[in-house]
Amino acid sequence: MATTLKQTEAAPAAYPAAPGGLSDGALALDSATIWQRLEGYCGYRWSARTVIWTAEGPGAWFPPLAPATIATIERWEAGSWVEDSTLSASPMGGYCLQPATYRFTGTVGPATAAAPALVLEAYRRLVEHLALAKVNSQPGIRQQTIDGLMSTTYDAAALGRALDRSGAADCLRTLRRAA
């Protein structure tokens, strides 16, 4: 199996619109951050952006993000990148790499930012969970008052489990990719 050495992903021009019917607390949270957490969890992208992968063979290589469209394939040869049109397709999709270093340039995500209903449900669950966590002092959030001043501390580990605790991860289970 070939190895992905590096992935450089540009920011999208826009993320899909948030689902309707969100609470005021959920609407106050940064939508881009929510989309980044959902996309990072499952390796799918719902808005187009450029991506460059550097991979090393030999073996089959698959883009670790989906949906991916590869525009150019280059091979490192004698100190520079040269276009390579000799790679064959892998029987399971992807490419069969020879013992060399390759650079794949393309795009991931659809041309227009859109997400299926189940992903929008995952978004809703995650953002509402995070909004409630801020308001209700749920596990991972500690509020204390000292001399009349209130301070709030967020436990990053507890908030990191928000995808599971909110049920958003369950919605994304079929999209989860092993990379």
N, C-alpha and C. Protein backbone atom coordinates (compact mmCIF):
# COMPACT_ATOMS: atom_id res chain seq x y z
N MET A 1 0.84 -1.18 0.00
CA MET A 1 0.00 0.00 0.00
C MET A 1 0.88 1.24 0.00
N ALA A 2 0.60 2.16 -0.88
CA ALA A 2 1.33 3.42 -0.94
C ALA A 2 0.99 4.27 0.28
N THR A 3 1.83 5.25 0.56
CA THR A 3 1.67 6.09 1.74
C THR A 3 1.46 7.54 1.34
N THR A 4 0.48 8.18 1.96
CA THR A 4 0.30 9.63 1.79
C THR A 4 1.27 10.32 2.73
N LEU A 5 2.18 11.09 2.18
CA LEU A 5 3.19 11.78 2.97
C LEU A 5 2.73 13.14 3.46
N LYS A 6 1.95 13.83 2.61
CA LYS A 6 1.55 15.20 2.94
C LYS A 6 0.22 15.52 2.25
N GLN A 7 -0.58 16.31 2.93
CA GLN A 7 -1.84 16.78 2.36
C GLN A 7 -1.95 18.27 2.63
N THR A 8 -2.11 19.06 1.56
CA THR A 8 -2.29 20.49 1.70
C THR A 8 -3.66 20.83 1.14
N GLU A 9 -4.52 21.31 2.01
CA GLU A 9 -5.92 21.56 1.63
C GLU A 9 -6.22 23.05 1.80
N ALA A 10 -6.71 23.66 0.74
CA ALA A 10 -7.09 25.08 0.80
C ALA A 10 -8.43 25.22 1.51
N ALA A 11 -8.70 26.40 2.00
CA ALA A 11 -10.00 26.68 2.61
C ALA A 11 -11.04 26.84 1.51
N PRO A 12 -12.26 26.39 1.74
CA PRO A 12 -13.29 26.56 0.71
C PRO A 12 -13.76 28.02 0.65
N ALA A 13 -14.35 28.38 -0.47
CA ALA A 13 -14.91 29.73 -0.60
C ALA A 13 -16.08 29.91 0.36
N ALA A 14 -16.85 28.86 0.56
CA ALA A 14 -18.00 28.90 1.47
C ALA A 14 -18.36 27.49 1.90
N TYR A 15 -18.93 27.38 3.07
CA TYR A 15 -19.45 26.10 3.55
C TYR A 15 -20.94 26.05 3.25
N PRO A 16 -21.54 24.85 3.28
CA PRO A 16 -22.99 24.77 3.08
C PRO A 16 -23.73 25.58 4.14
N ALA A 17 -24.94 25.96 3.82
CA ALA A 17 -25.77 26.70 4.79
C ALA A 17 -26.12 25.78 5.95
N ALA A 18 -26.22 26.35 7.13
CA ALA A 18 -26.64 25.59 8.30
C ALA A 18 -28.11 25.20 8.14
N PRO A 19 -28.51 24.09 8.75
CA PRO A 19 -29.92 23.72 8.67
C PRO A 19 -30.80 24.74 9.38
N GLY A 20 -32.05 24.79 9.01
CA GLY A 20 -32.99 25.72 9.64
C GLY A 20 -33.43 25.23 11.01
N GLY A 21 -34.08 26.11 11.74
CA GLY A 21 -34.67 25.76 13.02
C GLY A 21 -33.69 25.65 14.18
N LEU A 22 -32.53 26.26 14.07
CA LEU A 22 -31.54 26.19 15.16
C LEU A 22 -31.88 27.21 16.25
N SER A 23 -31.49 26.89 17.47
CA SER A 23 -31.69 27.80 18.58
C SER A 23 -30.80 29.02 18.43
N ASP A 24 -31.10 30.07 19.19
CA ASP A 24 -30.28 31.28 19.15
C ASP A 24 -28.84 30.99 19.58
N GLY A 25 -28.69 30.13 20.60
CA GLY A 25 -27.35 29.76 21.06
C GLY A 25 -26.56 29.04 19.98
N ALA A 26 -27.23 28.17 19.24
CA ALA A 26 -26.57 27.43 18.16
C ALA A 26 -26.19 28.37 17.02
N LEU A 27 -27.05 29.31 16.71
CA LEU A 27 -26.77 30.27 15.64
C LEU A 27 -25.59 31.18 15.99
N ALA A 28 -25.33 31.37 17.28
CA ALA A 28 -24.24 32.23 17.71
C ALA A 28 -22.87 31.57 17.53
N LEU A 29 -22.84 30.25 17.38
CA LEU A 29 -21.57 29.54 17.21
C LEU A 29 -21.06 29.68 15.77
N ASP A 30 -19.76 29.59 15.61
CA ASP A 30 -19.13 29.75 14.30
C ASP A 30 -19.43 28.55 13.40
N SER A 31 -20.15 28.80 12.33
CA SER A 31 -20.57 27.75 11.41
C SER A 31 -19.38 27.06 10.74
N ALA A 32 -18.36 27.82 10.38
CA ALA A 32 -17.19 27.23 9.73
C ALA A 32 -16.50 26.21 10.64
N THR A 33 -16.43 26.51 11.93
CA THR A 33 -15.82 25.59 12.88
C THR A 33 -16.61 24.29 12.96
N ILE A 34 -17.92 24.39 12.95
CA ILE A 34 -18.76 23.18 13.00
C ILE A 34 -18.54 22.34 11.76
N TRP A 35 -18.52 22.98 10.58
CA TRP A 35 -18.29 22.23 9.34
C TRP A 35 -16.91 21.58 9.34
N GLN A 36 -15.89 22.27 9.83
CA GLN A 36 -14.55 21.70 9.88
C GLN A 36 -14.50 20.47 10.76
N ARG A 37 -15.20 20.49 11.88
CA ARG A 37 -15.22 19.32 12.76
C ARG A 37 -15.93 18.15 12.11
N LEU A 38 -17.05 18.40 11.44
CA LEU A 38 -17.77 17.32 10.77
C LEU A 38 -16.94 16.75 9.62
N GLU A 39 -16.35 17.62 8.81
CA GLU A 39 -15.56 17.15 7.68
C GLU A 39 -14.31 16.39 8.14
N GLY A 40 -13.69 16.88 9.18
CA GLY A 40 -12.49 16.22 9.69
C GLY A 40 -12.79 14.84 10.25
N TYR A 41 -13.97 14.67 10.79
CA TYR A 41 -14.34 13.38 11.38
C TYR A 41 -14.48 12.29 10.34
N CYS A 42 -15.06 12.63 9.20
CA CYS A 42 -15.37 11.56 8.24
C CYS A 42 -14.57 11.62 6.94
N GLY A 43 -13.81 12.67 6.69
CA GLY A 43 -13.00 12.72 5.48
C GLY A 43 -13.78 13.08 4.22
N TYR A 44 -15.00 13.54 4.37
CA TYR A 44 -15.78 14.02 3.23
C TYR A 44 -15.80 15.53 3.25
N ARG A 45 -15.98 16.13 2.09
CA ARG A 45 -16.07 17.57 1.98
C ARG A 45 -17.35 17.91 1.25
N TRP A 46 -18.05 18.93 1.75
CA TRP A 46 -19.34 19.33 1.16
C TRP A 46 -19.27 20.70 0.52
N SER A 47 -18.06 21.21 0.33
CA SER A 47 -17.84 22.44 -0.43
C SER A 47 -16.47 22.30 -1.10
N ALA A 48 -16.38 22.78 -2.33
CA ALA A 48 -15.18 22.57 -3.13
C ALA A 48 -13.99 23.36 -2.62
N ARG A 49 -12.82 22.72 -2.73
CA ARG A 49 -11.55 23.38 -2.44
C ARG A 49 -10.43 22.59 -3.10
N THR A 50 -9.31 23.28 -3.31
CA THR A 50 -8.14 22.66 -3.93
C THR A 50 -7.38 21.85 -2.89
N VAL A 51 -6.82 20.75 -3.32
CA VAL A 51 -6.01 19.92 -2.43
C VAL A 51 -4.82 19.36 -3.20
N ILE A 52 -3.69 19.23 -2.50
CA ILE A 52 -2.48 18.64 -3.08
C ILE A 52 -2.02 17.55 -2.13
N TRP A 53 -1.82 16.36 -2.68
CA TRP A 53 -1.29 15.24 -1.89
C TRP A 53 0.07 14.85 -2.43
N THR A 54 0.99 14.54 -1.54
CA THR A 54 2.25 13.94 -1.91
C THR A 54 2.21 12.52 -1.37
N ALA A 55 2.45 11.55 -2.26
CA ALA A 55 2.37 10.14 -1.89
C ALA A 55 3.59 9.41 -2.38
N GLU A 56 3.87 8.30 -1.72
CA GLU A 56 5.03 7.50 -2.08
C GLU A 56 4.62 6.06 -2.29
N GLY A 57 5.09 5.48 -3.40
CA GLY A 57 4.80 4.10 -3.72
C GLY A 57 5.93 3.20 -3.30
N PRO A 58 5.80 1.91 -3.52
CA PRO A 58 4.85 1.27 -4.42
C PRO A 58 3.55 0.90 -3.72
N GLY A 59 2.56 0.60 -4.57
CA GLY A 59 1.28 0.10 -4.08
C GLY A 59 0.13 0.96 -4.51
N ALA A 60 -1.06 0.55 -4.07
CA ALA A 60 -2.28 1.28 -4.40
C ALA A 60 -2.38 2.52 -3.52
N TRP A 61 -2.79 3.62 -4.13
CA TRP A 61 -3.01 4.87 -3.39
C TRP A 61 -4.40 5.39 -3.70
N PHE A 62 -5.09 5.82 -2.66
CA PHE A 62 -6.44 6.37 -2.78
C PHE A 62 -6.46 7.76 -2.16
N PRO A 63 -7.13 8.72 -2.78
CA PRO A 63 -7.25 10.03 -2.14
C PRO A 63 -7.92 9.86 -0.77
N PRO A 64 -7.32 10.38 0.29
CA PRO A 64 -7.90 10.21 1.62
C PRO A 64 -9.12 11.08 1.89
N LEU A 65 -9.48 11.95 0.97
CA LEU A 65 -10.68 12.77 1.09
C LEU A 65 -11.62 12.46 -0.07
N ALA A 66 -12.90 12.67 0.14
CA ALA A 66 -13.89 12.40 -0.91
C ALA A 66 -14.91 13.52 -0.93
N PRO A 67 -15.57 13.72 -2.03
CA PRO A 67 -15.27 13.20 -3.35
C PRO A 67 -14.10 13.96 -3.96
N ALA A 68 -13.17 13.23 -4.55
CA ALA A 68 -11.95 13.84 -5.10
C ALA A 68 -11.91 13.72 -6.61
N THR A 69 -11.44 14.76 -7.24
CA THR A 69 -11.18 14.78 -8.68
C THR A 69 -9.73 15.18 -8.87
N ILE A 70 -8.93 14.28 -9.43
CA ILE A 70 -7.51 14.54 -9.63
C ILE A 70 -7.32 15.22 -10.98
N ALA A 71 -6.66 16.39 -10.99
CA ALA A 71 -6.43 17.14 -12.22
C ALA A 71 -5.06 16.83 -12.81
N THR A 72 -4.03 16.79 -11.95
CA THR A 72 -2.69 16.50 -12.46
C THR A 72 -1.97 15.51 -11.53
N ILE A 73 -1.13 14.69 -12.16
CA ILE A 73 -0.29 13.75 -11.42
C ILE A 73 1.14 14.01 -11.86
N GLU A 74 2.01 14.22 -10.87
CA GLU A 74 3.42 14.48 -11.16
C GLU A 74 4.28 13.51 -10.37
N ARG A 75 5.46 13.22 -10.90
CA ARG A 75 6.42 12.32 -10.26
C ARG A 75 7.71 13.11 -10.02
N TRP A 76 8.31 12.89 -8.85
CA TRP A 76 9.58 13.55 -8.53
C TRP A 76 10.69 12.80 -9.26
N GLU A 77 11.37 13.53 -10.13
CA GLU A 77 12.40 12.89 -10.96
C GLU A 77 13.56 13.86 -11.17
N ALA A 78 14.74 13.43 -10.79
CA ALA A 78 15.96 14.22 -10.99
C ALA A 78 15.85 15.64 -10.44
N GLY A 79 15.26 15.77 -9.26
CA GLY A 79 15.21 17.06 -8.58
C GLY A 79 14.08 17.99 -8.96
N SER A 80 13.09 17.50 -9.71
CA SER A 80 11.95 18.37 -10.04
C SER A 80 10.71 17.50 -10.32
N TRP A 81 9.55 18.15 -10.31
CA TRP A 81 8.28 17.46 -10.60
C TRP A 81 8.07 17.41 -12.11
N VAL A 82 7.76 16.22 -12.62
CA VAL A 82 7.44 16.06 -14.04
C VAL A 82 6.08 15.38 -14.14
N GLU A 83 5.29 15.82 -15.11
CA GLU A 83 3.95 15.26 -15.27
C GLU A 83 4.06 13.77 -15.59
N ASP A 84 3.19 12.97 -14.99
CA ASP A 84 3.19 11.52 -15.18
C ASP A 84 1.83 11.09 -15.68
N SER A 85 1.79 10.56 -16.88
CA SER A 85 0.52 10.07 -17.43
C SER A 85 0.53 8.55 -17.57
N THR A 86 1.49 7.91 -16.91
CA THR A 86 1.64 6.46 -17.06
C THR A 86 0.99 5.65 -15.95
N LEU A 87 0.48 6.30 -14.91
CA LEU A 87 -0.11 5.55 -13.80
C LEU A 87 -1.37 4.82 -14.24
N SER A 88 -1.50 3.61 -13.78
CA SER A 88 -2.71 2.85 -14.09
C SER A 88 -3.65 2.89 -12.89
N ALA A 89 -4.91 2.65 -13.18
CA ALA A 89 -5.92 2.64 -12.13
C ALA A 89 -5.78 1.38 -11.29
N SER A 90 -6.06 1.51 -10.01
CA SER A 90 -6.08 0.36 -9.11
C SER A 90 -7.41 -0.37 -9.30
N PRO A 91 -7.45 -1.69 -9.11
CA PRO A 91 -8.70 -2.42 -9.28
C PRO A 91 -9.81 -1.95 -8.32
N MET A 92 -9.44 -1.36 -7.19
CA MET A 92 -10.42 -0.90 -6.21
C MET A 92 -10.63 0.61 -6.29
N GLY A 93 -10.16 1.24 -7.36
CA GLY A 93 -10.20 2.69 -7.46
C GLY A 93 -8.83 3.22 -7.05
N GLY A 94 -8.60 4.48 -7.23
CA GLY A 94 -7.29 5.03 -6.90
C GLY A 94 -6.27 4.72 -7.98
N TYR A 95 -4.99 4.67 -7.60
CA TYR A 95 -3.91 4.53 -8.56
C TYR A 95 -2.90 3.50 -8.08
N CYS A 96 -2.26 2.81 -9.00
CA CYS A 96 -1.17 1.88 -8.71
C CYS A 96 0.15 2.64 -8.87
N LEU A 97 0.81 2.94 -7.75
CA LEU A 97 2.05 3.71 -7.79
C LEU A 97 3.26 2.79 -7.90
N GLN A 98 4.26 3.26 -8.62
CA GLN A 98 5.55 2.59 -8.70
C GLN A 98 6.41 3.11 -7.54
N PRO A 99 7.58 2.52 -7.30
CA PRO A 99 8.45 3.02 -6.22
C PRO A 99 8.99 4.41 -6.58
N ALA A 100 8.25 5.42 -6.24
CA ALA A 100 8.62 6.81 -6.52
C ALA A 100 7.76 7.72 -5.64
N THR A 101 8.04 9.02 -5.70
CA THR A 101 7.24 10.01 -4.99
C THR A 101 6.39 10.75 -6.00
N TYR A 102 5.10 10.91 -5.67
CA TYR A 102 4.13 11.51 -6.59
C TYR A 102 3.45 12.69 -5.93
N ARG A 103 3.01 13.62 -6.77
CA ARG A 103 2.19 14.75 -6.31
C ARG A 103 0.90 14.74 -7.11
N PHE A 104 -0.22 14.68 -6.39
CA PHE A 104 -1.56 14.69 -6.99
C PHE A 104 -2.20 16.03 -6.65
N THR A 105 -2.68 16.74 -7.66
CA THR A 105 -3.36 18.02 -7.47
C THR A 105 -4.76 17.89 -8.00
N GLY A 106 -5.72 18.36 -7.23
CA GLY A 106 -7.11 18.27 -7.67
C GLY A 106 -8.02 19.05 -6.75
N THR A 107 -9.28 18.67 -6.77
CA THR A 107 -10.28 19.29 -5.91
C THR A 107 -11.03 18.22 -5.15
N VAL A 108 -11.55 18.60 -4.01
CA VAL A 108 -12.46 17.75 -3.24
C VAL A 108 -13.72 18.56 -2.98
N GLY A 109 -14.83 17.85 -2.88
CA GLY A 109 -16.12 18.50 -2.61
C GLY A 109 -16.85 18.82 -3.89
N PRO A 110 -18.15 19.02 -3.79
CA PRO A 110 -18.96 19.35 -4.96
C PRO A 110 -18.76 20.81 -5.38
N ALA A 111 -19.10 21.11 -6.62
CA ALA A 111 -18.94 22.47 -7.14
C ALA A 111 -19.77 23.48 -6.36
N THR A 112 -20.98 23.11 -5.96
CA THR A 112 -21.80 24.00 -5.14
C THR A 112 -21.91 23.40 -3.75
N ALA A 113 -21.70 24.24 -2.74
CA ALA A 113 -21.71 23.78 -1.36
C ALA A 113 -23.09 23.24 -0.99
N ALA A 114 -23.15 21.94 -0.75
CA ALA A 114 -24.41 21.30 -0.38
C ALA A 114 -24.11 20.06 0.44
N ALA A 115 -24.96 19.74 1.37
CA ALA A 115 -24.79 18.55 2.21
C ALA A 115 -26.09 17.77 2.24
N PRO A 116 -25.99 16.43 2.30
CA PRO A 116 -27.21 15.61 2.38
C PRO A 116 -27.91 15.80 3.72
N ALA A 117 -29.16 15.38 3.77
CA ALA A 117 -30.00 15.57 4.97
C ALA A 117 -29.37 14.98 6.22
N LEU A 118 -28.77 13.81 6.13
CA LEU A 118 -28.18 13.17 7.31
C LEU A 118 -27.00 13.98 7.85
N VAL A 119 -26.24 14.61 6.97
CA VAL A 119 -25.12 15.44 7.40
C VAL A 119 -25.65 16.73 8.05
N LEU A 120 -26.71 17.29 7.50
CA LEU A 120 -27.32 18.47 8.12
C LEU A 120 -27.87 18.12 9.51
N GLU A 121 -28.36 16.90 9.68
CA GLU A 121 -28.82 16.45 11.00
C GLU A 121 -27.63 16.34 11.96
N ALA A 122 -26.51 15.84 11.47
CA ALA A 122 -25.30 15.78 12.30
C ALA A 122 -24.87 17.18 12.72
N TYR A 123 -24.93 18.13 11.79
CA TYR A 123 -24.60 19.52 12.09
C TYR A 123 -25.53 20.04 13.20
N ARG A 124 -26.83 19.82 13.02
CA ARG A 124 -27.80 20.30 14.00
C ARG A 124 -27.52 19.71 15.38
N ARG A 125 -27.27 18.40 15.45
CA ARG A 125 -27.01 17.76 16.74
C ARG A 125 -25.76 18.32 17.41
N LEU A 126 -24.69 18.47 16.63
CA LEU A 126 -23.44 18.96 17.20
C LEU A 126 -23.56 20.40 17.68
N VAL A 127 -24.10 21.28 16.86
CA VAL A 127 -24.17 22.69 17.23
C VAL A 127 -25.12 22.91 18.41
N GLU A 128 -26.22 22.19 18.45
CA GLU A 128 -27.14 22.34 19.59
C GLU A 128 -26.50 21.79 20.87
N HIS A 129 -25.76 20.71 20.76
CA HIS A 129 -25.06 20.16 21.92
C HIS A 129 -24.04 21.16 22.46
N LEU A 130 -23.26 21.75 21.57
CA LEU A 130 -22.26 22.73 22.00
C LEU A 130 -22.91 23.97 22.59
N ALA A 131 -24.04 24.40 22.01
CA ALA A 131 -24.74 25.56 22.55
C ALA A 131 -25.27 25.27 23.95
N LEU A 132 -25.84 24.08 24.14
CA LEU A 132 -26.34 23.70 25.48
C LEU A 132 -25.19 23.57 26.47
N ALA A 133 -24.07 23.05 26.02
CA ALA A 133 -22.92 22.90 26.91
C ALA A 133 -22.46 24.25 27.44
N LYS A 134 -22.52 25.28 26.60
CA LYS A 134 -22.12 26.61 27.05
C LYS A 134 -23.09 27.18 28.08
N VAL A 135 -24.38 26.89 27.90
CA VAL A 135 -25.40 27.48 28.75
C VAL A 135 -25.61 26.69 30.04
N ASN A 136 -25.64 25.37 29.94
CA ASN A 136 -26.05 24.53 31.07
C ASN A 136 -24.92 23.97 31.91
N SER A 137 -23.72 24.37 31.65
CA SER A 137 -22.60 23.89 32.44
C SER A 137 -22.56 22.36 32.45
N GLN A 138 -22.63 21.77 31.27
CA GLN A 138 -22.58 20.30 31.16
C GLN A 138 -21.16 19.81 31.41
N PRO A 139 -20.96 18.47 31.49
CA PRO A 139 -19.62 17.94 31.74
C PRO A 139 -18.61 18.55 30.77
N GLY A 140 -17.48 18.93 31.32
CA GLY A 140 -16.44 19.55 30.51
C GLY A 140 -16.44 21.06 30.62
N ILE A 141 -17.48 21.61 31.25
CA ILE A 141 -17.57 23.06 31.40
C ILE A 141 -17.72 23.37 32.88
N ARG A 142 -16.87 24.21 33.39
CA ARG A 142 -16.92 24.56 34.80
C ARG A 142 -17.03 26.07 34.95
N GLN A 143 -18.04 26.49 35.69
CA GLN A 143 -18.20 27.91 35.96
C GLN A 143 -18.00 28.13 37.45
N GLN A 144 -17.32 29.19 37.77
CA GLN A 144 -17.15 29.52 39.18
C GLN A 144 -17.17 31.03 39.34
N THR A 145 -17.62 31.45 40.51
CA THR A 145 -17.69 32.87 40.81
C THR A 145 -16.74 33.16 41.96
N ILE A 146 -15.85 34.10 41.74
CA ILE A 146 -14.90 34.52 42.77
C ILE A 146 -14.99 36.03 42.88
N ASP A 147 -15.31 36.50 44.08
CA ASP A 147 -15.46 37.94 44.34
C ASP A 147 -16.42 38.59 43.34
N GLY A 148 -17.50 37.91 43.04
CA GLY A 148 -18.53 38.46 42.16
C GLY A 148 -18.23 38.36 40.67
N LEU A 149 -17.08 37.84 40.30
CA LEU A 149 -16.73 37.66 38.89
C LEU A 149 -16.87 36.19 38.50
N MET A 150 -17.58 35.95 37.40
CA MET A 150 -17.78 34.58 36.95
C MET A 150 -16.75 34.23 35.88
N SER A 151 -16.18 33.05 36.01
CA SER A 151 -15.27 32.57 34.97
C SER A 151 -15.76 31.21 34.49
N THR A 152 -15.56 30.95 33.22
CA THR A 152 -15.97 29.68 32.63
C THR A 152 -14.73 29.01 32.04
N THR A 153 -14.56 27.74 32.37
CA THR A 153 -13.44 26.96 31.86
C THR A 153 -13.99 25.81 31.03
N TYR A 154 -13.47 25.64 29.83
CA TYR A 154 -13.89 24.56 28.94
C TYR A 154 -12.81 23.48 28.92
N ASP A 155 -13.21 22.26 29.19
CA ASP A 155 -12.29 21.13 29.12
C ASP A 155 -12.23 20.67 27.67
N ALA A 156 -11.08 20.85 27.03
CA ALA A 156 -10.95 20.52 25.61
C ALA A 156 -11.23 19.05 25.34
N ALA A 157 -10.84 18.17 26.24
CA ALA A 157 -11.08 16.74 26.02
C ALA A 157 -12.57 16.43 26.01
N ALA A 158 -13.32 17.05 26.93
CA ALA A 158 -14.76 16.80 26.98
C ALA A 158 -15.44 17.37 25.74
N LEU A 159 -15.03 18.55 25.32
CA LEU A 159 -15.61 19.14 24.12
C LEU A 159 -15.20 18.36 22.86
N GLY A 160 -14.04 17.74 22.91
CA GLY A 160 -13.59 16.92 21.79
C GLY A 160 -14.48 15.69 21.59
N ARG A 161 -15.16 15.27 22.63
CA ARG A 161 -16.08 14.13 22.52
C ARG A 161 -17.49 14.56 22.17
N ALA A 162 -17.67 15.82 21.83
CA ALA A 162 -19.00 16.34 21.53
C ALA A 162 -19.64 15.65 20.33
N LEU A 163 -18.85 15.24 19.35
CA LEU A 163 -19.41 14.53 18.20
C LEU A 163 -20.12 13.25 18.65
N ASP A 164 -19.50 12.52 19.57
CA ASP A 164 -20.12 11.30 20.08
C ASP A 164 -21.29 11.60 21.01
N ARG A 165 -21.08 12.51 21.94
CA ARG A 165 -22.12 12.81 22.93
C ARG A 165 -23.38 13.42 22.31
N SER A 166 -23.22 14.13 21.22
CA SER A 166 -24.36 14.78 20.58
C SER A 166 -25.14 13.84 19.67
N GLY A 167 -24.53 12.73 19.28
CA GLY A 167 -25.15 11.83 18.31
C GLY A 167 -24.78 12.17 16.87
N ALA A 168 -23.98 13.22 16.68
CA ALA A 168 -23.58 13.60 15.32
C ALA A 168 -22.72 12.51 14.69
N ALA A 169 -21.85 11.89 15.48
CA ALA A 169 -20.98 10.83 14.94
C ALA A 169 -21.80 9.67 14.41
N ASP A 170 -22.91 9.38 15.07
CA ASP A 170 -23.77 8.29 14.62
C ASP A 170 -24.34 8.59 13.23
N CYS A 171 -24.70 9.84 12.99
CA CYS A 171 -25.21 10.24 11.66
C CYS A 171 -24.14 10.09 10.59
N LEU A 172 -22.88 10.28 10.95
CA LEU A 172 -21.79 10.28 9.98
C LEU A 172 -21.11 8.91 9.84
N ARG A 173 -21.60 7.92 10.56
CA ARG A 173 -20.95 6.60 10.59
C ARG A 173 -20.70 6.01 9.21
N THR A 174 -21.68 6.07 8.32
CA THR A 174 -21.52 5.46 6.99
C THR A 174 -20.54 6.24 6.11
N LEU A 175 -20.21 7.46 6.49
CA LEU A 175 -19.27 8.27 5.73
C LEU A 175 -17.84 8.17 6.25
N ARG A 176 -17.69 7.55 7.41
CA ARG A 176 -16.36 7.45 8.03
C ARG A 176 -15.42 6.69 7.13
N ARG A 177 -14.24 7.24 6.93
CA ARG A 177 -13.23 6.61 6.05
C ARG A 177 -12.01 6.24 6.85
N ALA A 178 -11.47 5.09 6.56
CA ALA A 178 -10.20 4.70 7.17
C ALA A 178 -9.09 5.23 6.27
N ALA A 179 -8.26 6.11 6.81
CA ALA A 179 -7.20 6.69 5.98
C ALA A 179 -5.85 6.33 6.55
